[in-house]
Structures are given as structure tokens and as C-alpha cells.
Amino acid sequence: MGISIWQLVIILGIVILLFGTKKLRNVGGDLGNAIKSFKKAVKSSEEAEPDEQIAKKEDGRIIDAEVRKEKDETKS
């Protein structure tokens, strides 16, 4: 009861007739740019995470710390 290849071809043909190839190309490009931007944002946030959490092991003890950046209020 799945969709056959011929049914997919007919649906694709109807979509092309309704929207046209230029509009579909623009939608595809916009979608590609959105995915690229999302991946870039995820990658930059993953690189920032290790600086925020620091865990060191000294003499069998685990020292856990969180680094926070404070705003310099003297530079107004």
C-alpha cells in the first residue's frame, strides 16, 4: 500500500505545473540557506560550551566551576 514511483512522478508533475520551476528553485535555495545558517549557529554554540563548564580533578577530588562573563559597567 505504498506510493509507487509513477504516483510520485505524477505528483511532481502537478507541483511543477502549479508553481513553475523558477519558484521551486527559489524555495529550494531559501531552504538550503536556512539549513546552512542553522548548522552554523549550532556549531558556534557547541564551540562556546566548553569554556562555560570547567571540571578538574586534583588529588582524587573533582572541582567543578562555571565561568561567567560580567559586563564592565565602567565602559559606558
C-alpha atoms as a PDB file:
ATOM      1  CA  MET A   1       0.000   0.000   0.000  1.00  0.00           C
ATOM      2  CA  GLY A   2       2.945   2.345  -0.535  1.00  0.00           C
ATOM      3  CA  ILE A   3       3.272   5.085  -3.097  1.00  0.00           C
ATOM      4  CA  SER A   4       4.662   3.842  -6.393  1.00  0.00           C
ATOM      5  CA  ILE A   5       7.248   5.680  -8.472  1.00  0.00           C
ATOM      6  CA  TRP A   6       4.615   6.593 -11.058  1.00  0.00           C
ATOM      7  CA  GLN A   7       2.409   8.240  -8.439  1.00  0.00           C
ATOM      8  CA  LEU A   8       5.384  10.313  -7.267  1.00  0.00           C
ATOM      9  CA  VAL A   9       6.148  11.355 -10.872  1.00  0.00           C
ATOM     10  CA  ILE A  10       2.523  12.463 -11.389  1.00  0.00           C
ATOM     11  CA  ILE A  11       2.536  14.455  -8.117  1.00  0.00           C
ATOM     12  CA  LEU A  12       5.855  16.083  -9.061  1.00  0.00           C
ATOM     13  CA  GLY A  13       4.454  16.998 -12.481  1.00  0.00           C
ATOM     14  CA  ILE A  14       1.383  18.617 -10.922  1.00  0.00           C
ATOM     15  CA  VAL A  15       3.539  20.602  -8.455  1.00  0.00           C
ATOM     16  CA  ILE A  16       5.760  21.845 -11.309  1.00  0.00           C
ATOM     17  CA  LEU A  17       2.695  22.880 -13.327  1.00  0.00           C
ATOM     18  CA  LEU A  18       1.195  24.752 -10.357  1.00  0.00           C
ATOM     19  CA  PHE A  19       4.272  26.588  -9.105  1.00  0.00           C
ATOM     20  CA  GLY A  20       6.692  26.612 -12.009  1.00  0.00           C
ATOM     21  CA  THR A  21      10.354  25.633 -11.953  1.00  0.00           C
ATOM     22  CA  LYS A  22      11.686  29.111 -11.102  1.00  0.00           C
ATOM     23  CA  LYS A  23       9.611  29.413  -7.925  1.00  0.00           C
ATOM     24  CA  LEU A  24      10.528  25.865  -6.865  1.00  0.00           C
ATOM     25  CA  ARG A  25      14.223  26.666  -7.454  1.00  0.00           C
ATOM     26  CA  ASN A  26      13.923  29.778  -5.249  1.00  0.00           C
ATOM     27  CA  VAL A  27      12.205  27.806  -2.484  1.00  0.00           C
ATOM     28  CA  GLY A  28      14.937  25.165  -2.652  1.00  0.00           C
ATOM     29  CA  GLY A  29      17.673  27.814  -2.428  1.00  0.00           C
ATOM     30  CA  ASP A  30      15.988  29.510   0.532  1.00  0.00           C
ATOM     31  CA  LEU A  31      15.621  26.187   2.302  1.00  0.00           C
ATOM     32  CA  GLY A  32      19.286  25.363   1.678  1.00  0.00           C
ATOM     33  CA  ASN A  33      20.409  28.734   3.081  1.00  0.00           C
ATOM     34  CA  ALA A  34      18.224  28.256   6.156  1.00  0.00           C
ATOM     35  CA  ILE A  35      19.726  24.821   6.834  1.00  0.00           C
ATOM     36  CA  LYS A  36      23.254  26.214   6.372  1.00  0.00           C
ATOM     37  CA  SER A  37      22.585  29.046   8.821  1.00  0.00           C
ATOM     38  CA  PHE A  38      21.101  26.632  11.353  1.00  0.00           C
ATOM     39  CA  LYS A  39      24.130  24.317  11.166  1.00  0.00           C
ATOM     40  CA  LYS A  40      26.477  27.293  11.560  1.00  0.00           C
ATOM     41  CA  ALA A  41      24.590  28.506  14.649  1.00  0.00           C
ATOM     42  CA  VAL A  42      24.634  25.038  16.224  1.00  0.00           C
ATOM     43  CA  LYS A  43      28.361  24.664  15.542  1.00  0.00           C
ATOM     44  CA  SER A  44      29.193  28.059  17.076  1.00  0.00           C
ATOM     45  CA  SER A  45      27.127  27.296  20.179  1.00  0.00           C
ATOM     46  CA  GLU A  46      28.872  23.926  20.596  1.00  0.00           C
ATOM     47  CA  GLU A  47      32.264  25.639  20.452  1.00  0.00           C
ATOM     48  CA  ALA A  48      31.223  28.101  23.158  1.00  0.00           C
ATOM     49  CA  GLU A  49      30.049  25.454  25.640  1.00  0.00           C
ATOM     50  CA  PRO A  50      33.432  24.037  26.771  1.00  0.00           C
ATOM     51  CA  ASP A  51      34.522  27.457  28.075  1.00  0.00           C
ATOM     52  CA  GLU A  52      31.484  27.745  30.307  1.00  0.00           C
ATOM     53  CA  GLN A  53      31.936  24.477  32.187  1.00  0.00           C
ATOM     54  CA  ILE A  54      35.287  23.544  33.705  1.00  0.00           C
ATOM     55  CA  ALA A  55      35.880  20.349  35.662  1.00  0.00           C
ATOM     56  CA  LYS A  56      39.325  19.497  37.059  1.00  0.00           C
ATOM     57  CA  LYS A  57      40.463  16.509  39.018  1.00  0.00           C
ATOM     58  CA  GLU A  58      43.013  17.234  41.732  1.00  0.00           C
ATOM     59  CA  ASP A  59      44.133  14.686  44.334  1.00  0.00           C
ATOM     60  CA  GLY A  60      41.153  12.449  43.627  1.00  0.00           C
ATOM     61  CA  ARG A  61      38.685  15.325  44.084  1.00  0.00           C
ATOM     62  CA  ILE A  62      36.645  16.828  41.292  1.00  0.00           C
ATOM     63  CA  ILE A  63      36.488  20.586  41.207  1.00  0.00           C
ATOM     64  CA  ASP A  64      33.601  21.896  39.142  1.00  0.00           C
ATOM     65  CA  ALA A  65      33.320  25.566  38.194  1.00  0.00           C
ATOM     66  CA  GLU A  66      31.255  27.747  35.916  1.00  0.00           C
ATOM     67  CA  VAL A  67      32.776  30.694  34.094  1.00  0.00           C
ATOM     68  CA  ARG A  68      30.600  33.770  33.664  1.00  0.00           C
ATOM     69  CA  LYS A  69      31.393  36.920  31.788  1.00  0.00           C
ATOM     70  CA  GLU A  70      30.444  40.118  33.576  1.00  0.00           C
ATOM     71  CA  LYS A  71      29.755  43.361  31.804  1.00  0.00           C
ATOM     72  CA  ASP A  72      32.230  46.133  32.529  1.00  0.00           C
ATOM     73  CA  GLU A  73      29.996  48.927  33.776  1.00  0.00           C
ATOM     74  CA  THR A  74      32.846  51.467  33.789  1.00  0.00           C
ATOM     75  CA  LYS A  75      32.856  51.498  29.989  1.00  0.00           C
ATOM     76  CA  SER A  76      29.598  53.361  29.461  1.00  0.00           C
END
